[in-house]
Amino acid sequence: MNVKAKKTQVCIVGAGPSGLLLSQLLHNNGIDSIIIDNQSREHIEGRIRAGVLEWGAVTVLEEAGVSERMYREGLAHGGFEIVFDGERRRIDIQTLTGKQIMVYGQTEITFDLIENRLAQGCDIVFSAEEVQPLDVQSDQPRVRYRTNGEDVEIACDFIAGCDGFHGVSRKTFPADKIKCFERVYPFGWMGILVDKPPVSDELIYVHHPRGFALCSMRSQTRSRYYLQCPLSDTPDDWPDQRFWDELIQRLGPDIAQPLQTGDSIEKSIAPLRSFVAEPMRYGRLFLAGDAAHIVPPTGAKGLNLAISDVKILSRALIEHFHNSDDSFIEGYSDACLKRIWKAERFSWAMSLMLHQLPEYSGFEQRMQRAEFDNLVESETASRALAEGYVGSLLDT
């Protein structure tokens, strides 16, 4: 069989934000990479994903050299609101922590990174088929794939699995070399994107007897709204008018008064799960981002964790190639997982406080209320929530 041969230092499986960012950070330090993805460029750039960045993630994007448009178009926020059964509480994260967050969509980050990497001559293979990491326990790992009817094999020093929850990288680990921890929540988020100004200048998280709601945004003219819904629902069950009517009920008349409704430009239902795979390294194959962990979207930790993984992994690879120091490679999994479990705890706790869970009795419902009352009455509790929200994942 005729196989086309390529060679690089790091082969990156996955052209989402984590794989692209890793490639950019390595390029900035003189390390070559090839990126492979089984999706088309159009599909990757069109995916609607998270939009809230911890400031530590913002600084990594700045370091990577892809922050110009983010600073120009992104929205810096100093707080967010929680509404519990009609009672409002603003969490002033800037006062409580000295930090802000940045609202800038993952779609925009992906676009910026692809544009930058292609302009710098990076080899990005879109629509690859039959992608398979090989010999990852050896000193000469390989990645094989098909493109345009041609078999290609990339020889490399390391493989970075940045190919998401359903990707091939995690499946390459032998079953006895990986352990997975998971919690699947019995509901989803019905999300709608609309070209209308947001209902508020900051995010609003809502606990309501009819279910959770979230008011978010992507820009000053584009809004993103979510409603808790049954996992059995589909977007077809939620015509626009039904969605707006339900959102208005959950927000209440005061918050909903400035709401501008309109035709949706995107609509989807996201299931909620907590998932962690341990370890995140097998031989010369590393996992990063959703390939290794999933958090509920409550608190917006998914993309931030992926950026944290990439920052740690880039340092490990830079130390290897520049200084022949493999201590950071050996410590990669432990360094990531310590941060991942903190973020999982935060998203889990915030999700349990704000959602309606079918198994909850009156006792658990009273505990949800007590948790909110503690936030209202205790600056210490508010500060702890604010610290978790802005994140400390990239401070060290």
Protein backbone atom coordinates (compact mmCIF):
# COMPACT_ATOMS: atom_id res chain seq x y z
CA MET A 1 0.00 0.00 0.00
CA ASN A 2 1.37 3.39 -1.00
CA VAL A 3 1.40 5.74 2.00
CA LYS A 4 2.45 9.37 1.82
CA ALA A 5 4.93 10.23 4.58
CA LYS A 6 5.05 13.44 6.60
CA LYS A 7 7.13 14.41 9.60
CA THR A 8 6.67 16.94 12.38
CA GLN A 9 7.58 17.43 16.03
CA VAL A 10 4.03 17.43 17.44
CA CYS A 11 1.02 15.97 15.65
CA ILE A 12 -2.17 17.53 16.98
CA VAL A 13 -5.42 15.62 16.52
CA GLY A 14 -8.26 18.13 16.60
CA ALA A 15 -8.59 21.61 15.08
CA GLY A 16 -10.79 23.09 17.77
CA PRO A 17 -9.58 25.90 20.03
CA SER A 18 -7.37 23.66 22.19
CA GLY A 19 -5.52 22.07 19.28
CA LEU A 20 -5.16 25.36 17.42
CA LEU A 21 -3.97 27.22 20.51
CA LEU A 22 -1.43 24.51 21.30
CA SER A 23 -0.09 24.74 17.76
CA GLN A 24 0.16 28.52 18.04
CA LEU A 25 2.02 28.47 21.36
CA LEU A 26 4.44 25.85 20.03
CA HIS A 27 5.00 27.83 16.82
CA ASN A 28 5.81 30.93 18.87
CA ASN A 29 8.59 28.89 20.47
CA GLY A 30 9.98 27.42 17.25
CA ILE A 31 8.30 24.01 17.52
CA ASP A 32 6.63 22.56 14.42
CA SER A 33 3.21 20.90 14.39
CA ILE A 34 0.63 19.47 12.01
CA ILE A 35 -3.08 19.60 12.90
CA ILE A 36 -5.60 16.97 11.73
CA ASP A 37 -9.39 17.07 12.09
CA ASN A 38 -12.14 14.87 10.72
CA GLN A 39 -14.48 17.85 10.26
CA SER A 40 -14.46 20.50 7.54
CA ARG A 41 -13.18 24.01 8.19
CA GLU A 42 -16.71 25.35 7.66
CA HIS A 43 -18.14 23.01 10.28
CA ILE A 44 -15.44 23.83 12.82
CA GLU A 45 -15.77 27.58 12.38
CA GLY A 46 -19.57 27.40 12.52
CA ARG A 47 -19.92 25.55 15.84
CA ILE A 48 -21.69 27.57 18.51
CA ARG A 49 -19.96 27.08 21.84
CA ALA A 50 -19.04 28.84 25.08
CA GLY A 51 -18.47 32.55 25.38
CA VAL A 52 -17.09 33.37 28.86
CA LEU A 53 -13.33 33.54 29.43
CA GLU A 54 -11.52 33.73 32.75
CA TRP A 55 -8.91 36.48 32.72
CA GLY A 56 -6.17 33.89 32.93
CA ALA A 57 -7.43 32.47 29.62
CA VAL A 58 -7.46 35.98 28.15
CA THR A 59 -3.77 36.40 29.02
CA VAL A 60 -2.90 33.08 27.35
CA LEU A 61 -4.60 34.22 24.14
CA GLU A 62 -2.66 37.46 24.38
CA GLU A 63 0.58 35.51 24.83
CA ALA A 64 -0.33 33.46 21.77
CA GLY A 65 -0.69 36.65 19.71
CA VAL A 66 -4.38 36.22 18.86
CA SER A 67 -6.00 38.75 21.22
CA GLU A 68 -6.32 41.86 19.04
CA ARG A 69 -9.90 41.28 17.90
CA MET A 70 -10.89 39.89 21.30
CA TYR A 71 -9.82 43.11 23.04
CA ARG A 72 -11.55 45.18 20.37
CA GLU A 73 -14.88 43.30 20.25
CA GLY A 74 -15.02 41.32 23.51
CA LEU A 75 -17.01 42.47 26.53
CA ALA A 76 -15.21 42.73 29.88
CA HIS A 77 -17.55 42.04 32.82
CA GLY A 78 -17.06 42.79 36.49
CA GLY A 79 -19.93 40.72 37.83
CA PHE A 80 -22.96 38.53 37.17
CA GLU A 81 -26.42 38.08 38.68
CA ILE A 82 -28.23 35.18 40.30
CA VAL A 83 -32.02 35.29 40.50
CA PHE A 84 -33.56 32.76 42.88
CA ASP A 85 -37.35 32.50 42.76
CA GLY A 86 -37.56 36.18 41.85
CA GLU A 87 -34.95 37.48 44.31
CA ARG A 88 -31.88 39.06 42.66
CA ARG A 89 -28.28 39.03 43.88
CA ARG A 90 -25.35 40.55 41.98
CA ILE A 91 -21.99 38.91 42.53
CA ASP A 92 -19.45 41.72 42.17
CA ILE A 93 -16.51 39.62 41.07
CA GLN A 94 -14.22 42.58 40.41
CA THR A 95 -14.62 43.97 43.92
CA LEU A 96 -14.47 40.55 45.55
CA THR A 97 -11.49 39.18 43.59
CA GLY A 98 -9.86 42.07 41.73
CA LYS A 99 -10.49 40.22 38.45
CA GLN A 100 -12.87 40.38 35.50
CA ILE A 101 -14.15 37.93 32.90
CA MET A 102 -14.28 38.44 29.14
CA VAL A 103 -17.27 37.56 26.97
CA TYR A 104 -15.91 36.49 23.58
CA GLY A 105 -17.34 33.50 21.75
CA GLN A 106 -15.43 30.27 21.24
CA THR A 107 -16.48 30.49 17.60
CA GLU A 108 -14.57 33.76 17.29
CA ILE A 109 -11.50 32.37 19.05
CA THR A 110 -11.47 29.39 16.68
CA PHE A 111 -11.77 31.68 13.65
CA ASP A 112 -8.94 33.91 14.87
CA LEU A 113 -6.64 30.95 15.51
CA ILE A 114 -7.32 29.26 12.16
CA GLU A 115 -6.68 32.50 10.29
CA ASN A 116 -3.45 33.07 12.18
CA ARG A 117 -2.12 29.53 11.85
CA LEU A 118 -2.86 29.30 8.13
CA ALA A 119 -1.26 32.70 7.53
CA GLN A 120 1.88 31.37 9.24
CA GLY A 121 1.96 28.32 6.99
CA CYS A 122 0.72 25.68 9.42
CA ASP A 123 -0.35 22.40 7.83
CA ILE A 124 -3.98 21.94 8.90
CA VAL A 125 -5.72 18.91 7.43
CA PHE A 126 -9.51 19.24 7.46
CA SER A 127 -12.00 16.44 6.68
CA ALA A 128 -9.47 13.70 7.46
CA GLU A 129 -10.80 10.13 7.60
CA GLU A 130 -9.80 7.06 9.61
CA VAL A 131 -7.50 9.02 11.92
CA GLN A 132 -5.52 6.68 14.15
CA PRO A 133 -2.65 7.34 16.60
CA LEU A 134 -0.10 4.51 16.46
CA ASP A 135 2.91 3.32 18.51
CA VAL A 136 2.24 5.92 21.20
CA GLN A 137 4.34 3.97 23.72
CA SER A 138 7.40 4.12 21.50
CA ASP A 139 9.90 6.92 20.88
CA GLN A 140 8.51 7.25 17.34
CA PRO A 141 4.72 7.59 17.49
CA ARG A 142 2.74 8.01 14.27
CA VAL A 143 -0.65 9.21 13.16
CA ARG A 144 -2.26 7.67 10.10
CA TYR A 145 -5.29 9.04 8.22
CA ARG A 146 -6.88 9.24 4.78
CA THR A 147 -7.56 12.40 2.80
CA ASN A 148 -8.85 12.74 -0.74
CA GLY A 149 -8.48 8.99 -1.22
CA GLU A 150 -4.82 9.02 -0.15
CA ASP A 151 -3.29 7.30 2.87
CA VAL A 152 -0.97 9.57 4.88
CA GLU A 153 1.26 8.82 7.85
CA ILE A 154 2.84 11.46 10.08
CA ALA A 155 5.95 10.56 12.03
CA CYS A 156 6.32 12.74 15.11
CA ASP A 157 7.83 13.03 18.56
CA PHE A 158 4.54 13.52 20.42
CA ILE A 159 0.80 13.35 19.76
CA ALA A 160 -1.67 15.79 21.35
CA GLY A 161 -5.23 14.47 21.49
CA CYS A 162 -7.39 17.59 21.30
CA ASP A 163 -10.25 15.90 19.46
CA GLY A 164 -13.09 16.23 21.93
CA PHE A 165 -15.22 13.84 23.94
CA HIS A 166 -16.08 11.58 20.98
CA GLY A 167 -12.60 11.64 19.41
CA VAL A 168 -10.21 8.79 18.77
CA SER A 169 -7.40 9.89 21.10
CA ARG A 170 -8.89 8.78 24.42
CA LYS A 171 -10.00 5.51 22.81
CA THR A 172 -6.34 4.80 22.00
CA PHE A 173 -5.62 4.28 25.71
CA PRO A 174 -5.84 0.57 26.69
CA ALA A 175 -8.84 -0.04 28.92
CA ASP A 176 -6.62 -0.97 31.87
CA LYS A 177 -4.59 2.26 31.54
CA ILE A 178 -7.41 4.77 31.96
CA LYS A 179 -10.23 5.33 34.42
CA CYS A 180 -13.27 7.50 33.71
CA PHE A 181 -15.52 9.26 36.22
CA GLU A 182 -18.91 10.51 35.08
CA ARG A 183 -22.14 12.09 36.25
CA VAL A 184 -24.91 12.55 33.66
CA TYR A 185 -27.59 15.06 34.60
CA PRO A 186 -31.26 14.28 33.88
CA PHE A 187 -31.89 17.43 31.81
CA GLY A 188 -30.43 19.54 29.06
CA TRP A 189 -30.09 23.18 28.05
CA MET A 190 -32.21 24.45 25.19
CA GLY A 191 -30.12 27.26 23.66
CA ILE A 192 -31.14 29.96 21.25
CA LEU A 193 -28.99 32.56 19.48
CA VAL A 194 -30.61 35.79 18.30
CA ASP A 195 -29.37 39.00 16.72
CA LYS A 196 -30.80 41.27 19.40
CA PRO A 197 -29.09 43.24 22.19
CA PRO A 198 -28.79 41.28 25.46
CA VAL A 199 -31.43 41.78 28.13
CA SER A 200 -28.71 42.82 30.60
CA ASP A 201 -25.14 44.10 30.50
CA GLU A 202 -24.05 41.04 32.53
CA LEU A 203 -24.96 37.35 32.64
CA ILE A 204 -28.04 36.38 34.63
CA TYR A 205 -28.42 32.88 36.12
CA VAL A 206 -31.99 32.03 37.13
CA HIS A 207 -33.43 29.42 39.48
CA HIS A 208 -37.20 29.11 38.97
CA PRO A 209 -39.81 26.47 39.89
CA ARG A 210 -40.27 25.83 36.14
CA GLY A 211 -36.54 25.28 35.65
CA PHE A 212 -33.20 26.99 35.20
CA ALA A 213 -32.61 29.84 32.75
CA LEU A 214 -29.52 31.77 31.64
CA CYS A 215 -29.25 35.11 29.87
CA SER A 216 -25.92 35.47 28.13
CA MET A 217 -24.50 37.24 25.10
CA ARG A 218 -21.89 37.07 22.38
CA SER A 219 -21.70 40.79 21.64
CA GLN A 220 -23.64 43.99 22.23
CA THR A 221 -25.98 43.00 19.38
CA ARG A 222 -26.11 39.20 19.67
CA SER A 223 -27.67 37.33 22.61
CA ARG A 224 -27.59 33.74 23.79
CA TYR A 225 -30.37 32.40 26.04
CA TYR A 226 -30.84 28.98 27.64
CA LEU A 227 -33.67 27.08 29.30
CA GLN A 228 -33.49 23.85 31.29
CA CYS A 229 -35.49 21.23 29.43
CA PRO A 230 -36.07 17.44 29.43
CA LEU A 231 -33.42 15.34 27.67
CA SER A 232 -36.18 13.88 25.52
CA ASP A 233 -36.89 17.28 23.93
CA THR A 234 -35.60 18.31 20.51
CA PRO A 235 -35.18 21.81 19.04
CA ASP A 236 -38.34 21.19 17.00
CA ASP A 237 -40.25 21.03 20.30
CA TRP A 238 -39.22 24.63 20.94
CA PRO A 239 -40.50 26.99 18.25
CA ASP A 240 -39.25 30.51 18.88
CA GLN A 241 -42.45 31.82 20.38
CA ARG A 242 -42.67 28.98 22.89
CA PHE A 243 -39.07 29.63 23.91
CA TRP A 244 -39.64 33.37 24.45
CA ASP A 245 -42.87 32.79 26.38
CA GLU A 246 -41.13 30.32 28.70
CA LEU A 247 -38.07 32.53 29.17
CA ILE A 248 -40.26 35.50 30.13
CA GLN A 249 -42.04 33.38 32.74
CA ARG A 250 -38.77 32.25 34.30
CA LEU A 251 -37.22 35.72 34.27
CA GLY A 252 -40.22 37.51 35.74
CA PRO A 253 -41.69 40.81 34.55
CA ASP A 254 -38.99 43.15 35.88
CA ILE A 255 -36.02 41.36 34.30
CA ALA A 256 -37.92 40.49 31.13
CA GLN A 257 -39.20 44.03 30.54
CA PRO A 258 -36.25 45.11 28.30
CA LEU A 259 -36.03 41.72 26.54
CA GLN A 260 -35.94 42.01 22.76
CA THR A 261 -37.18 38.85 21.05
CA GLY A 262 -36.74 37.82 17.43
CA ASP A 263 -36.18 34.97 15.03
CA SER A 264 -33.48 32.54 16.17
CA ILE A 265 -30.37 32.14 14.03
CA GLU A 266 -29.27 28.96 15.84
CA LYS A 267 -31.04 26.56 18.16
CA SER A 268 -29.73 23.44 19.89
CA ILE A 269 -30.06 21.29 23.00
CA ALA A 270 -26.93 20.46 25.02
CA PRO A 271 -26.96 17.56 27.50
CA LEU A 272 -25.20 18.19 30.81
CA ARG A 273 -22.53 15.86 32.15
CA SER A 274 -19.49 15.85 34.39
CA PHE A 275 -16.70 13.66 33.07
CA VAL A 276 -13.00 13.18 33.86
CA ALA A 277 -10.51 10.68 32.42
CA GLU A 278 -7.39 9.79 34.40
CA PRO A 279 -4.54 9.89 33.54
CA MET A 280 -4.26 12.36 30.66
CA ARG A 281 -1.06 10.87 29.24
CA TYR A 282 -0.22 7.47 27.83
CA GLY A 283 3.32 7.20 26.52
CA ARG A 284 3.77 10.04 24.04
CA LEU A 285 0.04 10.68 23.64
CA PHE A 286 -1.49 13.51 25.68
CA LEU A 287 -5.15 14.36 26.14
CA ALA A 288 -6.29 17.97 26.39
CA GLY A 289 -9.64 19.72 26.57
CA ASP A 290 -12.88 17.81 26.04
CA ALA A 291 -10.97 14.66 25.13
CA ALA A 292 -10.11 14.40 28.84
CA HIS A 293 -12.92 16.18 30.65
CA ILE A 294 -16.39 17.67 30.35
CA VAL A 295 -18.00 20.08 32.82
CA PRO A 296 -21.60 21.25 32.93
CA PRO A 297 -21.85 24.65 31.19
CA THR A 298 -22.98 26.26 34.44
CA GLY A 299 -20.13 28.63 35.28
CA ALA A 300 -18.50 28.32 31.83
CA LYS A 301 -15.45 26.24 32.75
CA GLY A 302 -15.10 23.98 29.69
CA LEU A 303 -13.14 26.24 27.34
CA ASN A 304 -11.16 27.71 30.22
CA LEU A 305 -10.05 24.26 31.34
CA ALA A 306 -9.01 23.42 27.77
CA ILE A 307 -6.88 26.58 27.64
CA SER A 308 -5.35 25.64 31.00
CA ASP A 309 -4.47 22.15 29.69
CA VAL A 310 -2.88 23.63 26.58
CA LYS A 311 -0.83 26.11 28.56
CA ILE A 312 0.54 23.33 30.78
CA LEU A 313 1.15 21.01 27.82
CA SER A 314 2.88 23.68 25.75
CA ARG A 315 5.29 24.36 28.60
CA ALA A 316 6.02 20.65 28.96
CA LEU A 317 6.80 20.30 25.25
CA ILE A 318 8.86 23.50 25.14
CA GLU A 319 10.97 22.29 28.07
CA HIS A 320 11.49 18.96 26.31
CA PHE A 321 12.60 20.42 22.98
CA HIS A 322 14.55 23.41 24.29
CA ASN A 323 16.07 22.11 27.50
CA SER A 324 15.81 18.28 27.31
CA ASP A 325 13.79 18.50 30.52
CA ASP A 326 10.99 15.93 30.72
CA SER A 327 9.90 16.67 34.30
CA PHE A 328 6.96 18.75 33.07
CA ILE A 329 5.91 15.96 30.70
CA GLU A 330 6.00 13.51 33.61
CA GLY A 331 3.93 15.90 35.73
CA TYR A 332 1.47 16.96 33.01
CA SER A 333 -1.46 14.78 34.02
CA ASP A 334 -1.24 15.52 37.74
CA ALA A 335 -0.90 19.27 37.15
CA CYS A 336 -3.98 19.33 34.92
CA LEU A 337 -6.16 17.05 37.03
CA LYS A 338 -5.68 19.07 40.20
CA ARG A 339 -7.20 22.07 38.43
CA ILE A 340 -9.82 20.03 36.58
CA TRP A 341 -11.32 18.56 39.74
CA LYS A 342 -11.58 22.03 41.31
CA ALA A 343 -13.49 23.24 38.26
CA GLU A 344 -15.67 20.11 38.29
CA ARG A 345 -16.56 20.79 41.91
CA PHE A 346 -17.45 24.40 41.14
CA SER A 347 -19.64 23.57 38.12
CA TRP A 348 -21.28 20.66 39.97
CA ALA A 349 -22.14 22.80 43.00
CA MET A 350 -23.42 25.71 40.92
CA SER A 351 -25.52 23.35 38.79
CA LEU A 352 -27.10 21.69 41.83
CA MET A 353 -28.01 25.06 43.35
CA LEU A 354 -29.67 26.48 40.25
CA HIS A 355 -31.45 23.62 38.47
CA GLN A 356 -34.63 21.72 39.18
CA LEU A 357 -33.67 18.08 39.74
CA PRO A 358 -36.48 15.53 39.50
CA GLU A 359 -35.09 13.44 42.35
CA TYR A 360 -34.97 16.36 44.77
CA SER A 361 -37.31 16.20 47.75
CA GLY A 362 -38.50 19.19 49.72
CA PHE A 363 -35.35 18.87 51.83
CA GLU A 364 -32.96 19.32 48.90
CA GLN A 365 -35.05 22.20 47.59
CA ARG A 366 -34.75 23.94 50.95
CA MET A 367 -31.00 23.35 50.81
CA GLN A 368 -30.88 25.11 47.43
CA ARG A 369 -32.63 28.09 48.99
CA ALA A 370 -30.32 28.04 51.99
CA GLU A 371 -27.32 28.08 49.66
CA PHE A 372 -28.64 31.18 47.91
CA ASP A 373 -29.50 32.88 51.22
CA ASN A 374 -25.95 32.22 52.38
CA LEU A 375 -24.65 34.04 49.30
CA VAL A 376 -26.91 37.00 50.05
CA GLU A 377 -25.97 37.23 53.72
CA SER A 378 -22.28 36.24 53.71
CA GLU A 379 -19.55 38.18 51.93
CA THR A 380 -17.27 35.21 52.53
CA ALA A 381 -19.67 32.93 50.63
CA SER A 382 -20.03 35.47 47.82
CA ARG A 383 -16.26 35.81 47.59
CA ALA A 384 -15.82 32.03 47.40
CA LEU A 385 -18.33 31.88 44.52
CA ALA A 386 -16.65 34.82 42.78
CA GLU A 387 -13.20 33.23 43.13
CA GLY A 388 -14.47 30.01 41.60
CA TYR A 389 -16.15 31.91 38.78
CA VAL A 390 -13.14 34.00 37.73
CA GLY A 391 -10.87 31.01 38.22
CA SER A 392 -7.36 30.51 39.53
CA LEU A 393 -6.58 27.80 37.02
CA LEU A 394 -3.84 29.67 35.19
CA ASP A 395 -2.32 31.73 37.99
CA THR A 396 0.68 29.47 38.53
